[in-house]
Amino acid sequence: MATAKPAAKKPAAKKVAVKKVAAKTPAVKKVAVKKTAAAKPAAKKVARTPNAAFMKALTPSAVLAAVIGAAPVPRTEVTKKIWDYIKKHDLQDPANRRNINADEKLKPLFGKAQVSMFELTKIVSGHLK
């Protein structure tokens, strides 16, 4: 039979004396911060105004008007209407949702069969005056 070896004793961990730091310094800094923060006036919230360049009504070209209508529309609304058309006719590529497949109305606008959603704004801006 094998004889069991007695477990080796571990030396006891030495306790290190910790010096106590005076608490005056942090308390003084906190008080100073509170006084400067209270001295500043509270910032007032200002309502954002929309950028006039985005809100300007632009006339779509004949190709774009076939998709969104001929009435002058702001640039933001043009993008919304195109996406409404894309979603209504289910034109997003099922394999890669970032790509938009062109149908008969969008093919003359895009100039190719498939466009990335990131190219969409660039293509549409060329059809607005």
N, C-alpha and C. Protein backbone atom coordinates (compact mmCIF):
# COMPACT_ATOMS: atom_id res chain seq x y z
N MET A 1 0.81 -1.17 0.00
CA MET A 1 0.00 0.00 0.00
C MET A 1 0.85 1.24 0.00
N ALA A 2 0.24 2.29 -0.57
CA ALA A 2 0.98 3.54 -0.62
C ALA A 2 0.71 4.33 0.64
N THR A 3 1.73 5.00 1.08
CA THR A 3 1.56 5.80 2.29
C THR A 3 1.24 7.22 1.90
N ALA A 4 0.31 7.82 2.62
CA ALA A 4 -0.09 9.19 2.32
C ALA A 4 0.91 10.15 2.92
N LYS A 5 1.26 11.17 2.12
CA LYS A 5 2.19 12.18 2.61
C LYS A 5 1.41 13.22 3.38
N PRO A 6 1.95 13.73 4.45
CA PRO A 6 1.24 14.79 5.18
C PRO A 6 1.25 16.08 4.35
N ALA A 7 0.16 16.83 4.41
CA ALA A 7 0.04 18.07 3.64
C ALA A 7 1.04 19.09 4.14
N ALA A 8 1.66 19.80 3.20
CA ALA A 8 2.65 20.80 3.57
C ALA A 8 1.93 22.00 4.15
N LYS A 9 2.47 22.53 5.21
CA LYS A 9 1.84 23.70 5.82
C LYS A 9 2.26 24.95 5.06
N LYS A 10 1.27 25.82 4.84
CA LYS A 10 1.55 27.09 4.16
C LYS A 10 1.90 28.12 5.21
N PRO A 11 2.89 28.98 4.88
CA PRO A 11 3.22 30.02 5.86
C PRO A 11 2.05 31.00 5.98
N ALA A 12 1.82 31.47 7.17
CA ALA A 12 0.73 32.41 7.41
C ALA A 12 1.02 33.72 6.69
N ALA A 13 -0.02 34.31 6.12
CA ALA A 13 0.13 35.58 5.41
C ALA A 13 0.44 36.68 6.41
N LYS A 14 1.36 37.53 6.02
CA LYS A 14 1.73 38.62 6.91
C LYS A 14 0.73 39.76 6.74
N LYS A 15 0.35 40.33 7.83
CA LYS A 15 -0.56 41.47 7.77
C LYS A 15 0.26 42.73 7.60
N VAL A 16 -0.15 43.54 6.64
CA VAL A 16 0.57 44.77 6.36
C VAL A 16 -0.15 45.91 7.06
N ALA A 17 0.59 46.70 7.73
CA ALA A 17 0.00 47.84 8.42
C ALA A 17 -0.36 48.90 7.39
N VAL A 18 -1.58 49.38 7.45
CA VAL A 18 -2.05 50.39 6.51
C VAL A 18 -2.12 51.72 7.25
N LYS A 19 -1.53 52.73 6.62
CA LYS A 19 -1.57 54.05 7.23
C LYS A 19 -2.89 54.71 6.88
N LYS A 20 -3.47 55.36 7.83
CA LYS A 20 -4.72 56.07 7.57
C LYS A 20 -4.37 57.45 7.03
N VAL A 21 -5.03 57.80 5.92
CA VAL A 21 -4.79 59.09 5.28
C VAL A 21 -5.82 60.08 5.81
N ALA A 22 -5.37 61.28 6.05
CA ALA A 22 -6.27 62.30 6.56
C ALA A 22 -7.38 62.56 5.55
N ALA A 23 -8.59 62.69 6.01
CA ALA A 23 -9.75 62.85 5.13
C ALA A 23 -10.03 64.31 4.79
N LYS A 24 -9.17 65.22 5.14
CA LYS A 24 -9.43 66.63 4.89
C LYS A 24 -9.38 66.99 3.41
N THR A 25 -8.41 66.47 2.68
CA THR A 25 -8.22 66.86 1.29
C THR A 25 -9.43 66.53 0.41
N PRO A 26 -9.96 65.31 0.39
CA PRO A 26 -11.12 65.04 -0.46
C PRO A 26 -12.34 65.85 -0.08
N ALA A 27 -12.57 66.08 1.20
CA ALA A 27 -13.74 66.83 1.63
C ALA A 27 -13.67 68.27 1.14
N VAL A 28 -12.48 68.85 1.19
CA VAL A 28 -12.31 70.23 0.74
C VAL A 28 -12.61 70.33 -0.75
N LYS A 29 -12.12 69.37 -1.54
CA LYS A 29 -12.35 69.40 -2.98
C LYS A 29 -13.83 69.26 -3.30
N LYS A 30 -14.55 68.39 -2.59
CA LYS A 30 -15.97 68.21 -2.84
C LYS A 30 -16.75 69.47 -2.57
N VAL A 31 -16.42 70.16 -1.51
CA VAL A 31 -17.10 71.40 -1.18
C VAL A 31 -16.85 72.45 -2.25
N ALA A 32 -15.60 72.51 -2.74
CA ALA A 32 -15.26 73.50 -3.76
C ALA A 32 -16.02 73.21 -5.05
N VAL A 33 -16.17 71.94 -5.41
CA VAL A 33 -16.90 71.59 -6.62
C VAL A 33 -18.36 71.97 -6.49
N LYS A 34 -18.94 71.73 -5.33
CA LYS A 34 -20.34 72.06 -5.13
C LYS A 34 -20.58 73.56 -5.26
N LYS A 35 -19.67 74.37 -4.74
CA LYS A 35 -19.84 75.81 -4.81
C LYS A 35 -19.77 76.30 -6.25
N THR A 36 -18.83 75.78 -7.05
CA THR A 36 -18.71 76.25 -8.43
C THR A 36 -19.89 75.77 -9.26
N ALA A 37 -20.39 74.57 -8.99
CA ALA A 37 -21.53 74.07 -9.74
C ALA A 37 -22.78 74.88 -9.42
N ALA A 38 -22.94 75.28 -8.19
CA ALA A 38 -24.10 76.05 -7.79
C ALA A 38 -24.01 77.48 -8.32
N ALA A 39 -22.80 77.98 -8.55
CA ALA A 39 -22.62 79.35 -9.00
C ALA A 39 -23.02 79.52 -10.47
N LYS A 40 -22.94 78.44 -11.27
CA LYS A 40 -23.28 78.54 -12.69
C LYS A 40 -24.79 78.54 -12.86
N PRO A 41 -25.31 79.37 -13.77
CA PRO A 41 -26.76 79.35 -14.01
C PRO A 41 -27.15 78.09 -14.78
N ALA A 42 -28.34 77.61 -14.54
CA ALA A 42 -28.81 76.40 -15.21
C ALA A 42 -29.02 76.69 -16.70
N ALA A 43 -28.60 75.75 -17.55
CA ALA A 43 -28.75 75.93 -18.99
C ALA A 43 -30.21 75.74 -19.37
N LYS A 44 -30.73 76.63 -20.18
CA LYS A 44 -32.11 76.55 -20.62
C LYS A 44 -32.18 75.70 -21.88
N LYS A 45 -33.21 74.88 -21.97
CA LYS A 45 -33.38 74.06 -23.16
C LYS A 45 -34.01 74.91 -24.24
N VAL A 46 -33.38 74.89 -25.40
CA VAL A 46 -33.88 75.64 -26.54
C VAL A 46 -34.44 74.65 -27.54
N ALA A 47 -35.64 74.90 -28.02
CA ALA A 47 -36.26 74.00 -28.99
C ALA A 47 -35.48 74.05 -30.30
N ARG A 48 -35.23 72.86 -30.88
CA ARG A 48 -34.48 72.80 -32.14
C ARG A 48 -35.37 73.28 -33.28
N THR A 49 -34.79 74.07 -34.12
CA THR A 49 -35.52 74.49 -35.31
C THR A 49 -35.02 73.67 -36.48
N PRO A 50 -35.92 73.24 -37.36
CA PRO A 50 -35.47 72.44 -38.49
C PRO A 50 -34.61 73.25 -39.45
N ASN A 51 -33.69 72.57 -40.10
CA ASN A 51 -32.81 73.21 -41.06
C ASN A 51 -33.63 73.60 -42.29
N ALA A 52 -33.56 74.85 -42.68
CA ALA A 52 -34.36 75.35 -43.80
C ALA A 52 -34.00 74.65 -45.11
N ALA A 53 -32.76 74.22 -45.27
CA ALA A 53 -32.35 73.55 -46.50
C ALA A 53 -33.09 72.22 -46.68
N PHE A 54 -33.36 71.52 -45.58
CA PHE A 54 -34.09 70.25 -45.68
C PHE A 54 -35.57 70.47 -45.91
N MET A 55 -36.08 71.60 -45.46
CA MET A 55 -37.52 71.84 -45.55
C MET A 55 -37.93 72.53 -46.85
N LYS A 56 -36.98 72.93 -47.67
CA LYS A 56 -37.28 73.60 -48.93
C LYS A 56 -37.90 72.60 -49.89
N ALA A 57 -39.03 72.99 -50.47
CA ALA A 57 -39.72 72.11 -51.42
C ALA A 57 -38.95 72.07 -52.74
N LEU A 58 -38.67 70.86 -53.21
CA LEU A 58 -37.94 70.66 -54.46
C LEU A 58 -38.83 69.94 -55.46
N THR A 59 -38.64 70.27 -56.72
CA THR A 59 -39.44 69.67 -57.78
C THR A 59 -38.76 68.39 -58.28
N PRO A 60 -39.47 67.26 -58.27
CA PRO A 60 -38.87 66.01 -58.75
C PRO A 60 -38.86 65.96 -60.27
N SER A 61 -37.91 65.22 -60.83
CA SER A 61 -37.85 65.02 -62.28
C SER A 61 -39.02 64.12 -62.69
N ALA A 62 -39.22 63.96 -63.99
CA ALA A 62 -40.32 63.15 -64.50
C ALA A 62 -40.18 61.68 -64.06
N VAL A 63 -38.95 61.20 -64.04
CA VAL A 63 -38.70 59.81 -63.65
C VAL A 63 -39.04 59.60 -62.17
N LEU A 64 -38.62 60.53 -61.33
CA LEU A 64 -38.90 60.45 -59.90
C LEU A 64 -40.38 60.72 -59.62
N ALA A 65 -41.00 61.61 -60.40
CA ALA A 65 -42.41 61.94 -60.21
C ALA A 65 -43.30 60.72 -60.47
N ALA A 66 -42.85 59.79 -61.30
CA ALA A 66 -43.62 58.57 -61.54
C ALA A 66 -43.72 57.71 -60.28
N VAL A 67 -42.77 57.88 -59.36
CA VAL A 67 -42.76 57.08 -58.13
C VAL A 67 -43.43 57.83 -56.98
N ILE A 68 -43.11 59.13 -56.79
CA ILE A 68 -43.59 59.85 -55.60
C ILE A 68 -44.65 60.91 -55.90
N GLY A 69 -44.87 61.24 -57.14
CA GLY A 69 -45.82 62.29 -57.49
C GLY A 69 -45.09 63.53 -57.97
N ALA A 70 -45.82 64.41 -58.69
CA ALA A 70 -45.20 65.56 -59.33
C ALA A 70 -45.14 66.80 -58.45
N ALA A 71 -45.81 66.82 -57.32
CA ALA A 71 -45.85 68.02 -56.47
C ALA A 71 -44.48 68.26 -55.83
N PRO A 72 -44.10 69.55 -55.69
CA PRO A 72 -42.84 69.86 -55.00
C PRO A 72 -42.89 69.37 -53.54
N VAL A 73 -41.82 68.71 -53.13
CA VAL A 73 -41.78 68.08 -51.80
C VAL A 73 -40.41 68.34 -51.18
N PRO A 74 -40.32 68.50 -49.84
CA PRO A 74 -39.01 68.61 -49.19
C PRO A 74 -38.21 67.32 -49.34
N ARG A 75 -36.91 67.45 -49.26
CA ARG A 75 -35.99 66.31 -49.44
C ARG A 75 -36.29 65.17 -48.46
N THR A 76 -36.66 65.50 -47.24
CA THR A 76 -36.96 64.47 -46.25
C THR A 76 -38.19 63.67 -46.64
N GLU A 77 -39.18 64.34 -47.18
CA GLU A 77 -40.40 63.66 -47.60
C GLU A 77 -40.16 62.78 -48.82
N VAL A 78 -39.24 63.19 -49.69
CA VAL A 78 -38.92 62.38 -50.87
C VAL A 78 -38.39 61.02 -50.42
N THR A 79 -37.47 61.04 -49.45
CA THR A 79 -36.90 59.80 -48.95
C THR A 79 -37.97 58.92 -48.31
N LYS A 80 -38.87 59.53 -47.53
CA LYS A 80 -39.94 58.77 -46.89
C LYS A 80 -40.85 58.13 -47.93
N LYS A 81 -41.21 58.89 -48.97
CA LYS A 81 -42.12 58.36 -49.99
C LYS A 81 -41.47 57.23 -50.78
N ILE A 82 -40.19 57.34 -51.07
CA ILE A 82 -39.50 56.27 -51.79
C ILE A 82 -39.47 55.00 -50.94
N TRP A 83 -39.18 55.14 -49.64
CA TRP A 83 -39.17 53.97 -48.77
C TRP A 83 -40.56 53.38 -48.61
N ASP A 84 -41.59 54.22 -48.58
CA ASP A 84 -42.96 53.70 -48.53
C ASP A 84 -43.25 52.87 -49.77
N TYR A 85 -42.81 53.36 -50.93
CA TYR A 85 -43.00 52.64 -52.19
C TYR A 85 -42.24 51.30 -52.17
N ILE A 86 -41.01 51.34 -51.70
CA ILE A 86 -40.18 50.12 -51.65
C ILE A 86 -40.81 49.08 -50.73
N LYS A 87 -41.29 49.50 -49.56
CA LYS A 87 -41.89 48.56 -48.61
C LYS A 87 -43.24 48.06 -49.09
N LYS A 88 -44.03 48.93 -49.73
CA LYS A 88 -45.35 48.55 -50.23
C LYS A 88 -45.23 47.45 -51.30
N HIS A 89 -44.24 47.59 -52.18
CA HIS A 89 -44.05 46.63 -53.27
C HIS A 89 -43.04 45.53 -52.94
N ASP A 90 -42.56 45.48 -51.68
CA ASP A 90 -41.62 44.46 -51.20
C ASP A 90 -40.41 44.34 -52.12
N LEU A 91 -39.68 45.45 -52.29
CA LEU A 91 -38.56 45.49 -53.22
C LEU A 91 -37.20 45.28 -52.57
N GLN A 92 -37.15 45.11 -51.25
CA GLN A 92 -35.87 44.83 -50.61
C GLN A 92 -35.47 43.39 -50.91
N ASP A 93 -34.18 43.20 -51.18
CA ASP A 93 -33.67 41.87 -51.50
C ASP A 93 -33.80 40.98 -50.25
N PRO A 94 -34.46 39.83 -50.36
CA PRO A 94 -34.64 39.00 -49.16
C PRO A 94 -33.32 38.46 -48.59
N ALA A 95 -32.33 38.21 -49.42
CA ALA A 95 -31.04 37.70 -48.94
C ALA A 95 -30.23 38.78 -48.26
N ASN A 96 -30.23 39.98 -48.81
CA ASN A 96 -29.47 41.10 -48.26
C ASN A 96 -30.40 42.31 -48.21
N ARG A 97 -30.95 42.60 -47.05
CA ARG A 97 -31.98 43.63 -46.92
C ARG A 97 -31.46 45.04 -47.21
N ARG A 98 -30.15 45.20 -47.33
CA ARG A 98 -29.58 46.52 -47.66
C ARG A 98 -29.71 46.84 -49.13
N ASN A 99 -30.01 45.86 -49.94
CA ASN A 99 -30.14 46.08 -51.38
C ASN A 99 -31.60 46.22 -51.76
N ILE A 100 -31.85 47.08 -52.74
CA ILE A 100 -33.20 47.33 -53.23
C ILE A 100 -33.26 46.86 -54.68
N ASN A 101 -34.20 45.99 -54.97
CA ASN A 101 -34.40 45.50 -56.33
C ASN A 101 -35.32 46.47 -57.06
N ALA A 102 -34.94 46.87 -58.26
CA ALA A 102 -35.72 47.84 -59.02
C ALA A 102 -36.85 47.14 -59.77
N ASP A 103 -38.03 47.80 -59.78
CA ASP A 103 -39.12 47.33 -60.62
C ASP A 103 -39.20 48.24 -61.84
N GLU A 104 -40.32 48.19 -62.58
CA GLU A 104 -40.43 48.97 -63.82
C GLU A 104 -40.32 50.48 -63.57
N LYS A 105 -40.86 50.97 -62.45
CA LYS A 105 -40.81 52.41 -62.17
C LYS A 105 -39.44 52.84 -61.64
N LEU A 106 -38.79 51.98 -60.88
CA LEU A 106 -37.51 52.37 -60.25
C LEU A 106 -36.30 52.14 -61.16
N LYS A 107 -36.42 51.25 -62.13
CA LYS A 107 -35.27 50.95 -62.99
C LYS A 107 -34.77 52.19 -63.74
N PRO A 108 -35.65 53.04 -64.33
CA PRO A 108 -35.14 54.27 -64.97
C PRO A 108 -34.53 55.25 -63.95
N LEU A 109 -35.04 55.23 -62.74
CA LEU A 109 -34.52 56.11 -61.69
C LEU A 109 -33.13 55.66 -61.24
N PHE A 110 -32.97 54.37 -60.99
CA PHE A 110 -31.70 53.83 -60.50
C PHE A 110 -30.68 53.68 -61.62
N GLY A 111 -31.11 53.28 -62.79
CA GLY A 111 -30.19 53.04 -63.89
C GLY A 111 -29.60 51.63 -63.88
N LYS A 112 -29.98 50.80 -62.92
CA LYS A 112 -29.53 49.42 -62.86
C LYS A 112 -30.58 48.60 -62.11
N ALA A 113 -30.38 47.29 -62.07
CA ALA A 113 -31.39 46.40 -61.51
C ALA A 113 -31.42 46.39 -59.98
N GLN A 114 -30.28 46.65 -59.34
CA GLN A 114 -30.21 46.60 -57.88
C GLN A 114 -29.32 47.72 -57.35
N VAL A 115 -29.77 48.34 -56.25
CA VAL A 115 -29.05 49.47 -55.67
C VAL A 115 -28.95 49.25 -54.17
N SER A 116 -27.83 49.65 -53.58
CA SER A 116 -27.67 49.61 -52.14
C SER A 116 -28.45 50.77 -51.52
N MET A 117 -28.96 50.58 -50.31
CA MET A 117 -29.72 51.66 -49.67
C MET A 117 -28.84 52.89 -49.40
N PHE A 118 -27.54 52.69 -49.36
CA PHE A 118 -26.64 53.81 -49.12
C PHE A 118 -26.45 54.66 -50.38
N GLU A 119 -26.69 54.09 -51.53
CA GLU A 119 -26.60 54.83 -52.79
C GLU A 119 -27.89 55.59 -53.08
N LEU A 120 -28.96 55.24 -52.41
CA LEU A 120 -30.28 55.77 -52.72
C LEU A 120 -30.34 57.29 -52.64
N THR A 121 -29.81 57.88 -51.60
CA THR A 121 -29.86 59.34 -51.44
C THR A 121 -29.11 60.05 -52.55
N LYS A 122 -27.95 59.52 -52.92
CA LYS A 122 -27.15 60.12 -53.99
C LYS A 122 -27.90 60.08 -55.32
N ILE A 123 -28.52 58.95 -55.61
CA ILE A 123 -29.26 58.80 -56.87
C ILE A 123 -30.45 59.74 -56.89
N VAL A 124 -31.19 59.83 -55.80
CA VAL A 124 -32.40 60.67 -55.75
C VAL A 124 -32.05 62.15 -55.83
N SER A 125 -30.95 62.56 -55.22
CA SER A 125 -30.58 63.99 -55.22
C SER A 125 -30.32 64.48 -56.64
N GLY A 126 -29.94 63.61 -57.55
CA GLY A 126 -29.74 64.01 -58.94
C GLY A 126 -31.04 64.25 -59.68
N HIS A 127 -32.17 63.83 -59.11
CA HIS A 127 -33.47 63.98 -59.75
C HIS A 127 -34.32 65.07 -59.08
N LEU A 128 -33.71 65.90 -58.26
CA LEU A 128 -34.43 66.99 -57.59
C LEU A 128 -33.86 68.34 -58.03
N LYS A 129 -34.75 69.30 -58.22
CA LYS A 129 -34.33 70.66 -58.58
C LYS A 129 -34.89 71.64 -57.58
